[in-house]
Amino acid sequence: MLKLHLIWEKVIPKEITVVGSRSQKPADWEPSLQLMADGLVNAEALVTKIYDISKWDEAYQHLKSGEGIKALLKPLDLDENEGEN
């Protein structure tokens, strides 16, 4: 099971909504996770580009065009956005 650690004292005052979703059951992940654990699959090599989360549309277009395999959206640094609401 994946555990997500959030800094709640930064999330709650900003009223950030955290939503989880998935399209498979955990049993579907097990073979892939085992292949990665055994070093037979390099998941990092699948990430073709990293985007700030604010550039999600650019990331989507990159994937939709067929140029990318997987885009990683980097979350905003909550410390950098202290003055924003």
PDB file of N, CA and C in Angstrom:
ATOM      1  N   MET A   1       0.844  -1.180   0.000  1.00  0.00           N
ATOM      2  CA  MET A   1       0.000   0.000   0.000  1.00  0.00           C
ATOM      3  C   MET A   1       0.887   1.239   0.000  1.00  0.00           C
ATOM      4  N   LEU A   2       0.519   2.210  -0.810  1.00  0.00           N
ATOM      5  CA  LEU A   2       1.221   3.480  -0.898  1.00  0.00           C
ATOM      6  C   LEU A   2       0.730   4.381   0.216  1.00  0.00           C
ATOM      7  N   LYS A   3       1.664   4.969   0.959  1.00  0.00           N
ATOM      8  CA  LYS A   3       1.294   5.913   2.005  1.00  0.00           C
ATOM      9  C   LYS A   3       1.693   7.301   1.557  1.00  0.00           C
ATOM     10  N   LEU A   4       0.765   8.219   1.632  1.00  0.00           N
ATOM     11  CA  LEU A   4       0.999   9.599   1.246  1.00  0.00           C
ATOM     12  C   LEU A   4       1.105  10.428   2.509  1.00  0.00           C
ATOM     13  N   HIS A   5       2.206  11.130   2.636  1.00  0.00           N
ATOM     14  CA  HIS A   5       2.411  11.976   3.810  1.00  0.00           C
ATOM     15  C   HIS A   5       2.182  13.427   3.404  1.00  0.00           C
ATOM     16  N   LEU A   6       1.213  14.054   4.027  1.00  0.00           N
ATOM     17  CA  LEU A   6       0.898  15.447   3.737  1.00  0.00           C
ATOM     18  C   LEU A   6       1.252  16.309   4.935  1.00  0.00           C
ATOM     19  N   ILE A   7       1.582  17.539   4.661  1.00  0.00           N
ATOM     20  CA  ILE A   7       1.849  18.503   5.722  1.00  0.00           C
ATOM     21  C   ILE A   7       0.515  19.202   5.984  1.00  0.00           C
ATOM     22  N   TRP A   8      -0.264  18.622   6.880  1.00  0.00           N
ATOM     23  CA  TRP A   8      -1.643  19.061   7.084  1.00  0.00           C
ATOM     24  C   TRP A   8      -1.739  20.513   7.520  1.00  0.00           C
ATOM     25  N   GLU A   9      -0.764  21.020   8.279  1.00  0.00           N
ATOM     26  CA  GLU A   9      -0.851  22.417   8.717  1.00  0.00           C
ATOM     27  C   GLU A   9      -0.706  23.396   7.549  1.00  0.00           C
ATOM     28  N   LYS A  10      -0.257  22.896   6.380  1.00  0.00           N
ATOM     29  CA  LYS A  10      -0.204  23.731   5.180  1.00  0.00           C
ATOM     30  C   LYS A  10      -1.418  23.470   4.284  1.00  0.00           C
ATOM     31  N   VAL A  11      -1.968  22.277   4.346  1.00  0.00           N
ATOM     32  CA  VAL A  11      -3.102  21.906   3.500  1.00  0.00           C
ATOM     33  C   VAL A  11      -4.411  22.484   4.036  1.00  0.00           C
ATOM     34  N   ILE A  12      -4.677  22.317   5.310  1.00  0.00           N
ATOM     35  CA  ILE A  12      -5.965  22.700   5.892  1.00  0.00           C
ATOM     36  C   ILE A  12      -6.234  24.203   5.808  1.00  0.00           C
ATOM     37  N   PRO A  13      -5.297  25.096   6.186  1.00  0.00           N
ATOM     38  CA  PRO A  13      -5.608  26.531   6.099  1.00  0.00           C
ATOM     39  C   PRO A  13      -5.904  27.010   4.679  1.00  0.00           C
ATOM     40  N   LYS A  14      -5.338  26.354   3.681  1.00  0.00           N
ATOM     41  CA  LYS A  14      -5.574  26.748   2.291  1.00  0.00           C
ATOM     42  C   LYS A  14      -6.814  26.072   1.713  1.00  0.00           C
ATOM     43  N   GLU A  15      -7.466  25.222   2.522  1.00  0.00           N
ATOM     44  CA  GLU A  15      -8.663  24.495   2.105  1.00  0.00           C
ATOM     45  C   GLU A  15      -8.423  23.706   0.821  1.00  0.00           C
ATOM     46  N   ILE A  16      -7.268  23.059   0.766  1.00  0.00           N
ATOM     47  CA  ILE A  16      -6.915  22.235  -0.389  1.00  0.00           C
ATOM     48  C   ILE A  16      -7.689  20.929  -0.307  1.00  0.00           C
ATOM     49  N   THR A  17      -8.266  20.522  -1.408  1.00  0.00           N
ATOM     50  CA  THR A  17      -8.987  19.261  -1.483  1.00  0.00           C
ATOM     51  C   THR A  17      -8.054  18.196  -2.047  1.00  0.00           C
ATOM     52  N   VAL A  18      -7.936  17.077  -1.360  1.00  0.00           N
ATOM     53  CA  VAL A  18      -7.110  15.962  -1.806  1.00  0.00           C
ATOM     54  C   VAL A  18      -8.052  14.868  -2.294  1.00  0.00           C
ATOM     55  N   VAL A  19      -7.913  14.493  -3.563  1.00  0.00           N
ATOM     56  CA  VAL A  19      -8.789  13.492  -4.161  1.00  0.00           C
ATOM     57  C   VAL A  19      -7.934  12.355  -4.694  1.00  0.00           C
ATOM     58  N   GLY A  20      -8.287  11.159  -4.364  1.00  0.00           N
ATOM     59  CA  GLY A  20      -7.575   9.997  -4.882  1.00  0.00           C
ATOM     60  C   GLY A  20      -8.427   9.273  -5.910  1.00  0.00           C
ATOM     61  N   SER A  21      -7.763   8.676  -6.866  1.00  0.00           N
ATOM     62  CA  SER A  21      -8.486   7.876  -7.853  1.00  0.00           C
ATOM     63  C   SER A  21      -7.559   6.797  -8.382  1.00  0.00           C
ATOM     64  N   ARG A  22      -8.147   5.764  -8.888  1.00  0.00           N
ATOM     65  CA  ARG A  22      -7.361   4.695  -9.501  1.00  0.00           C
ATOM     66  C   ARG A  22      -8.253   3.936 -10.466  1.00  0.00           C
ATOM     67  N   SER A  23      -7.626   3.286 -11.415  1.00  0.00           N
ATOM     68  CA  SER A  23      -8.405   2.543 -12.398  1.00  0.00           C
ATOM     69  C   SER A  23      -8.179   1.039 -12.289  1.00  0.00           C
ATOM     70  N   GLN A  24      -7.325   0.629 -11.376  1.00  0.00           N
ATOM     71  CA  GLN A  24      -7.070  -0.796 -11.199  1.00  0.00           C
ATOM     72  C   GLN A  24      -7.163  -1.155  -9.717  1.00  0.00           C
ATOM     73  N   LYS A  25      -7.271  -2.446  -9.482  1.00  0.00           N
ATOM     74  CA  LYS A  25      -7.239  -2.953  -8.119  1.00  0.00           C
ATOM     75  C   LYS A  25      -5.775  -3.145  -7.708  1.00  0.00           C
ATOM     76  N   PRO A  26      -5.469  -3.080  -6.415  1.00  0.00           N
ATOM     77  CA  PRO A  26      -4.089  -3.306  -5.978  1.00  0.00           C
ATOM     78  C   PRO A  26      -3.490  -4.613  -6.497  1.00  0.00           C
ATOM     79  N   ALA A  27      -4.314  -5.643  -6.658  1.00  0.00           N
ATOM     80  CA  ALA A  27      -3.796  -6.922  -7.174  1.00  0.00           C
ATOM     81  C   ALA A  27      -3.252  -6.768  -8.592  1.00  0.00           C
ATOM     82  N   ASP A  28      -3.773  -5.801  -9.339  1.00  0.00           N
ATOM     83  CA  ASP A  28      -3.282  -5.554 -10.696  1.00  0.00           C
ATOM     84  C   ASP A  28      -1.895  -4.923 -10.693  1.00  0.00           C
ATOM     85  N   TRP A  29      -1.533  -4.250  -9.618  1.00  0.00           N
ATOM     86  CA  TRP A  29      -0.239  -3.572  -9.548  1.00  0.00           C
ATOM     87  C   TRP A  29       0.884  -4.527  -9.172  1.00  0.00           C
ATOM     88  N   GLU A  30       0.548  -5.581  -8.460  1.00  0.00           N
ATOM     89  CA  GLU A  30       1.573  -6.454  -7.881  1.00  0.00           C
ATOM     90  C   GLU A  30       2.580  -6.985  -8.894  1.00  0.00           C
ATOM     91  N   PRO A  31       2.171  -7.488 -10.063  1.00  0.00           N
ATOM     92  CA  PRO A  31       3.183  -7.961 -11.021  1.00  0.00           C
ATOM     93  C   PRO A  31       4.136  -6.847 -11.470  1.00  0.00           C
ATOM     94  N   SER A  32       3.605  -5.654 -11.705  1.00  0.00           N
ATOM     95  CA  SER A  32       4.454  -4.534 -12.124  1.00  0.00           C
ATOM     96  C   SER A  32       5.408  -4.118 -11.015  1.00  0.00           C
ATOM     97  N   LEU A  33       4.894  -4.044  -9.801  1.00  0.00           N
ATOM     98  CA  LEU A  33       5.751  -3.673  -8.673  1.00  0.00           C
ATOM     99  C   LEU A  33       6.857  -4.696  -8.460  1.00  0.00           C
ATOM    100  N   GLN A  34       6.536  -5.977  -8.654  1.00  0.00           N
ATOM    101  CA  GLN A  34       7.546  -7.022  -8.493  1.00  0.00           C
ATOM    102  C   GLN A  34       8.624  -6.902  -9.567  1.00  0.00           C
ATOM    103  N   LEU A  35       8.222  -6.636 -10.810  1.00  0.00           N
ATOM    104  CA  LEU A  35       9.200  -6.452 -11.885  1.00  0.00           C
ATOM    105  C   LEU A  35      10.137  -5.286 -11.578  1.00  0.00           C
ATOM    106  N   MET A  36       9.590  -4.197 -11.036  1.00  0.00           N
ATOM    107  CA  MET A  36      10.435  -3.058 -10.668  1.00  0.00           C
ATOM    108  C   MET A  36      11.343  -3.412  -9.504  1.00  0.00           C
ATOM    109  N   ALA A  37      10.806  -4.114  -8.510  1.00  0.00           N
ATOM    110  CA  ALA A  37      11.611  -4.510  -7.351  1.00  0.00           C
ATOM    111  C   ALA A  37      12.750  -5.438  -7.753  1.00  0.00           C
ATOM    112  N   ASP A  38      12.509  -6.278  -8.749  1.00  0.00           N
ATOM    113  CA  ASP A  38      13.535  -7.207  -9.229  1.00  0.00           C
ATOM    114  C   ASP A  38      14.529  -6.540 -10.178  1.00  0.00           C
ATOM    115  N   GLY A  39      14.303  -5.262 -10.485  1.00  0.00           N
ATOM    116  CA  GLY A  39      15.203  -4.541 -11.380  1.00  0.00           C
ATOM    117  C   GLY A  39      15.010  -4.875 -12.848  1.00  0.00           C
ATOM    118  N   LEU A  40      13.896  -5.512 -13.186  1.00  0.00           N
ATOM    119  CA  LEU A  40      13.642  -5.897 -14.573  1.00  0.00           C
ATOM    120  C   LEU A  40      12.947  -4.795 -15.377  1.00  0.00           C
ATOM    121  N   VAL A  41      12.353  -3.839 -14.673  1.00  0.00           N
ATOM    122  CA  VAL A  41      11.705  -2.708 -15.335  1.00  0.00           C
ATOM    123  C   VAL A  41      12.190  -1.430 -14.658  1.00  0.00           C
ATOM    124  N   ASN A  42      12.649  -0.478 -15.471  1.00  0.00           N
ATOM    125  CA  ASN A  42      13.074   0.818 -14.958  1.00  0.00           C
ATOM    126  C   ASN A  42      11.942   1.813 -15.196  1.00  0.00           C
ATOM    127  N   ALA A  43      11.118   2.030 -14.180  1.00  0.00           N
ATOM    128  CA  ALA A  43       9.957   2.910 -14.327  1.00  0.00           C
ATOM    129  C   ALA A  43      10.369   4.352 -14.594  1.00  0.00           C
ATOM    130  N   GLU A  44      11.514   4.782 -14.071  1.00  0.00           N
ATOM    131  CA  GLU A  44      11.965   6.160 -14.303  1.00  0.00           C
ATOM    132  C   GLU A  44      12.199   6.424 -15.782  1.00  0.00           C
ATOM    133  N   ALA A  45      12.608   5.412 -16.524  1.00  0.00           N
ATOM    134  CA  ALA A  45      12.873   5.581 -17.956  1.00  0.00           C
ATOM    135  C   ALA A  45      11.587   5.854 -18.737  1.00  0.00           C
ATOM    136  N   LEU A  46      10.438   5.506 -18.161  1.00  0.00           N
ATOM    137  CA  LEU A  46       9.161   5.743 -18.834  1.00  0.00           C
ATOM    138  C   LEU A  46       8.726   7.204 -18.764  1.00  0.00           C
ATOM    139  N   VAL A  47       9.244   7.946 -17.779  1.00  0.00           N
ATOM    140  CA  VAL A  47       8.885   9.359 -17.633  1.00  0.00           C
ATOM    141  C   VAL A  47       9.687  10.149 -18.654  1.00  0.00           C
ATOM    142  N   THR A  48       8.988  10.656 -19.670  1.00  0.00           N
ATOM    143  CA  THR A  48       9.675  11.364 -20.750  1.00  0.00           C
ATOM    144  C   THR A  48       9.858  12.845 -20.464  1.00  0.00           C
ATOM    145  N   LYS A  49       9.057  13.402 -19.553  1.00  0.00           N
ATOM    146  CA  LYS A  49       9.206  14.818 -19.223  1.00  0.00           C
ATOM    147  C   LYS A  49       8.534  15.107 -17.886  1.00  0.00           C
ATOM    148  N   ILE A  50       9.105  16.056 -17.135  1.00  0.00           N
ATOM    149  CA  ILE A  50       8.549  16.484 -15.851  1.00  0.00           C
ATOM    150  C   ILE A  50       8.051  17.917 -16.011  1.00  0.00           C
ATOM    151  N   TYR A  51       6.816  18.147 -15.563  1.00  0.00           N
ATOM    152  CA  TYR A  51       6.187  19.466 -15.667  1.00  0.00           C
ATOM    153  C   TYR A  51       5.762  19.949 -14.286  1.00  0.00           C
ATOM    154  N   ASP A  52       5.783  21.275 -14.081  1.00  0.00           N
ATOM    155  CA  ASP A  52       5.111  21.833 -12.913  1.00  0.00           C
ATOM    156  C   ASP A  52       3.626  21.559 -13.102  1.00  0.00           C
ATOM    157  N   ILE A  53       2.924  21.336 -12.025  1.00  0.00           N
ATOM    158  CA  ILE A  53       1.513  20.975 -12.126  1.00  0.00           C
ATOM    159  C   ILE A  53       0.693  22.054 -12.834  1.00  0.00           C
ATOM    160  N   SER A  54       1.140  23.296 -12.775  1.00  0.00           N
ATOM    161  CA  SER A  54       0.428  24.376 -13.463  1.00  0.00           C
ATOM    162  C   SER A  54       0.495  24.227 -14.986  1.00  0.00           C
ATOM    163  N   LYS A  55       1.397  23.386 -15.483  1.00  0.00           N
ATOM    164  CA  LYS A  55       1.557  23.159 -16.927  1.00  0.00           C
ATOM    165  C   LYS A  55       0.888  21.843 -17.354  1.00  0.00           C
ATOM    166  N   TRP A  56      -0.151  21.436 -16.620  1.00  0.00           N
ATOM    167  CA  TRP A  56      -0.799  20.148 -16.886  1.00  0.00           C
ATOM    168  C   TRP A  56      -1.300  20.041 -18.324  1.00  0.00           C
ATOM    169  N   ASP A  57      -1.799  21.160 -18.885  1.00  0.00           N
ATOM    170  CA  ASP A  57      -2.327  21.098 -20.247  1.00  0.00           C
ATOM    171  C   ASP A  57      -1.201  20.848 -21.253  1.00  0.00           C
ATOM    172  N   GLU A  58      -0.057  21.481 -21.032  1.00  0.00           N
ATOM    173  CA  GLU A  58       1.107  21.250 -21.898  1.00  0.00           C
ATOM    174  C   GLU A  58       1.538  19.784 -21.817  1.00  0.00           C
ATOM    175  N   ALA A  59       1.526  19.233 -20.604  1.00  0.00           N
ATOM    176  CA  ALA A  59       1.886  17.823 -20.416  1.00  0.00           C
ATOM    177  C   ALA A  59       0.900  16.916 -21.149  1.00  0.00           C
ATOM    178  N   TYR A  60      -0.384  17.228 -21.033  1.00  0.00           N
ATOM    179  CA  TYR A  60      -1.412  16.429 -21.704  1.00  0.00           C
ATOM    180  C   TYR A  60      -1.222  16.465 -23.216  1.00  0.00           C
ATOM    181  N   GLN A  61      -0.981  17.656 -23.766  1.00  0.00           N
ATOM    182  CA  GLN A  61      -0.782  17.786 -25.212  1.00  0.00           C
ATOM    183  C   GLN A  61       0.456  17.012 -25.671  1.00  0.00           C
ATOM    184  N   HIS A  62       1.506  17.015 -24.849  1.00  0.00           N
ATOM    185  CA  HIS A  62       2.733  16.275 -25.164  1.00  0.00           C
ATOM    186  C   HIS A  62       2.435  14.777 -25.285  1.00  0.00           C
ATOM    187  N   LEU A  63       1.637  14.270 -24.358  1.00  0.00           N
ATOM    188  CA  LEU A  63       1.281  12.851 -24.391  1.00  0.00           C
ATOM    189  C   LEU A  63       0.315  12.551 -25.533  1.00  0.00           C
ATOM    190  N   LYS A  64      -0.667  13.426 -25.715  1.00  0.00           N
ATOM    191  CA  LYS A  64      -1.669  13.227 -26.760  1.00  0.00           C
ATOM    192  C   LYS A  64      -1.032  13.206 -28.150  1.00  0.00           C
ATOM    193  N   SER A  65       0.042  13.981 -28.329  1.00  0.00           N
ATOM    194  CA  SER A  65       0.720  14.048 -29.628  1.00  0.00           C
ATOM    195  C   SER A  65       1.490  12.765 -29.945  1.00  0.00           C
ATOM    196  N   GLY A  66       1.701  11.935 -28.917  1.00  0.00           N
ATOM    197  CA  GLY A  66       2.466  10.709 -29.118  1.00  0.00           C
ATOM    198  C   GLY A  66       3.953  10.888 -28.897  1.00  0.00           C
ATOM    199  N   GLU A  67       4.374  12.122 -28.581  1.00  0.00           N
ATOM    200  CA  GLU A  67       5.798  12.383 -28.341  1.00  0.00           C
ATOM    201  C   GLU A  67       6.263  11.836 -27.000  1.00  0.00           C
ATOM    202  N   GLY A  68       5.373  11.758 -26.040  1.00  0.00           N
ATOM    203  CA  GLY A  68       5.751  11.313 -24.704  1.00  0.00           C
ATOM    204  C   GLY A  68       5.088  10.005 -24.337  1.00  0.00           C
ATOM    205  N   ILE A  69       5.711   9.306 -23.409  1.00  0.00           N
ATOM    206  CA  ILE A  69       5.144   8.058 -22.892  1.00  0.00           C
ATOM    207  C   ILE A  69       4.416   8.338 -21.583  1.00  0.00           C
ATOM    208  N   LYS A  70       5.100   9.041 -20.691  1.00  0.00           N
ATOM    209  CA  LYS A  70       4.527   9.358 -19.386  1.00  0.00           C
ATOM    210  C   LYS A  70       5.072  10.713 -18.957  1.00  0.00           C
ATOM    211  N   ALA A  71       4.169  11.569 -18.493  1.00  0.00           N
ATOM    212  CA  ALA A  71       4.567  12.873 -17.971  1.00  0.00           C
ATOM    213  C   ALA A  71       4.373  12.855 -16.460  1.00  0.00           C
ATOM    214  N   LEU A  72       5.302  13.446 -15.752  1.00  0.00           N
ATOM    215  CA  LEU A  72       5.212  13.545 -14.298  1.00  0.00           C
ATOM    216  C   LEU A  72       4.855  14.979 -13.958  1.00  0.00           C
ATOM    217  N   LEU A  73       3.775  15.166 -13.202  1.00  0.00           N
ATOM    218  CA  LEU A  73       3.378  16.497 -12.766  1.00  0.00           C
ATOM    219  C   LEU A  73       3.942  16.738 -11.379  1.00  0.00           C
ATOM    220  N   LYS A  74       4.787  17.745 -11.268  1.00  0.00           N
ATOM    221  CA  LYS A  74       5.425  18.094  -9.998  1.00  0.00           C
ATOM    222  C   LYS A  74       4.494  19.028  -9.239  1.00  0.00           C
ATOM    223  N   PRO A  75       4.131  18.691  -7.997  1.00  0.00           N
ATOM    224  CA  PRO A  75       3.211  19.543  -7.242  1.00  0.00           C
ATOM    225  C   PRO A  75       3.846  20.891  -6.910  1.00  0.00           C
ATOM    226  N   LEU A  76       2.982  21.861  -6.658  1.00  0.00           N
ATOM    227  CA  LEU A  76       3.463  23.167  -6.234  1.00  0.00           C
ATOM    228  C   LEU A  76       4.137  23.036  -4.886  1.00  0.00           C
ATOM    229  N   ASP A  77       5.173  23.803  -4.680  1.00  0.00           N
ATOM    230  CA  ASP A  77       5.828  23.854  -3.377  1.00  0.00           C
ATOM    231  C   ASP A  77       4.978  24.762  -2.502  1.00  0.00           C
ATOM    232  N   LEU A  78       4.355  24.213  -1.491  1.00  0.00           N
ATOM    233  CA  LEU A  78       3.451  25.001  -0.656  1.00  0.00           C
ATOM    234  C   LEU A  78       4.162  26.171   0.005  1.00  0.00           C
ATOM    235  N   ASP A  79       5.460  26.037   0.312  1.00  0.00           N
ATOM    236  CA  ASP A  79       6.205  27.128   0.929  1.00  0.00           C
ATOM    237  C   ASP A  79       6.342  28.312  -0.016  1.00  0.00           C
ATOM    238  N   GLU A  80       6.448  28.063  -1.319  1.00  0.00           N
ATOM    239  CA  GLU A  80       6.593  29.133  -2.300  1.00  0.00           C
ATOM    240  C   GLU A  80       5.304  29.916  -2.479  1.00  0.00           C
ATOM    241  N   ASN A  81       4.177  29.342  -2.087  1.00  0.00           N
ATOM    242  CA  ASN A  81       2.878  29.968  -2.328  1.00  0.00           C
ATOM    243  C   ASN A  81       2.207  30.429  -1.038  1.00  0.00           C
ATOM    244  N   GLU A  82       2.983  30.738  -0.017  1.00  0.00           N
ATOM    245  CA  GLU A  82       2.427  31.108   1.284  1.00  0.00           C
ATOM    246  C   GLU A  82       1.487  32.307   1.212  1.00  0.00           C
ATOM    247  N   GLY A  83       1.778  33.295   0.373  1.00  0.00           N
ATOM    248  CA  GLY A  83       0.964  34.498   0.323  1.00  0.00           C
ATOM    249  C   GLY A  83      -0.279  34.364  -0.523  1.00  0.00           C
ATOM    250  N   GLU A  84      -0.428  33.267  -1.247  1.00  0.00           N
ATOM    251  CA  GLU A  84      -1.576  33.096  -2.139  1.00  0.00           C
ATOM    252  C   GLU A  84      -2.732  32.430  -1.418  1.00  0.00           C
ATOM    253  N   ASN A  85      -3.941  32.718  -1.853  1.00  0.00           N
ATOM    254  CA  ASN A  85      -5.130  32.059  -1.284  1.00  0.00           C
ATOM    255  C   ASN A  85      -5.782  31.199  -2.304  1.00  0.00           C
TER     256      ASN A  85
END
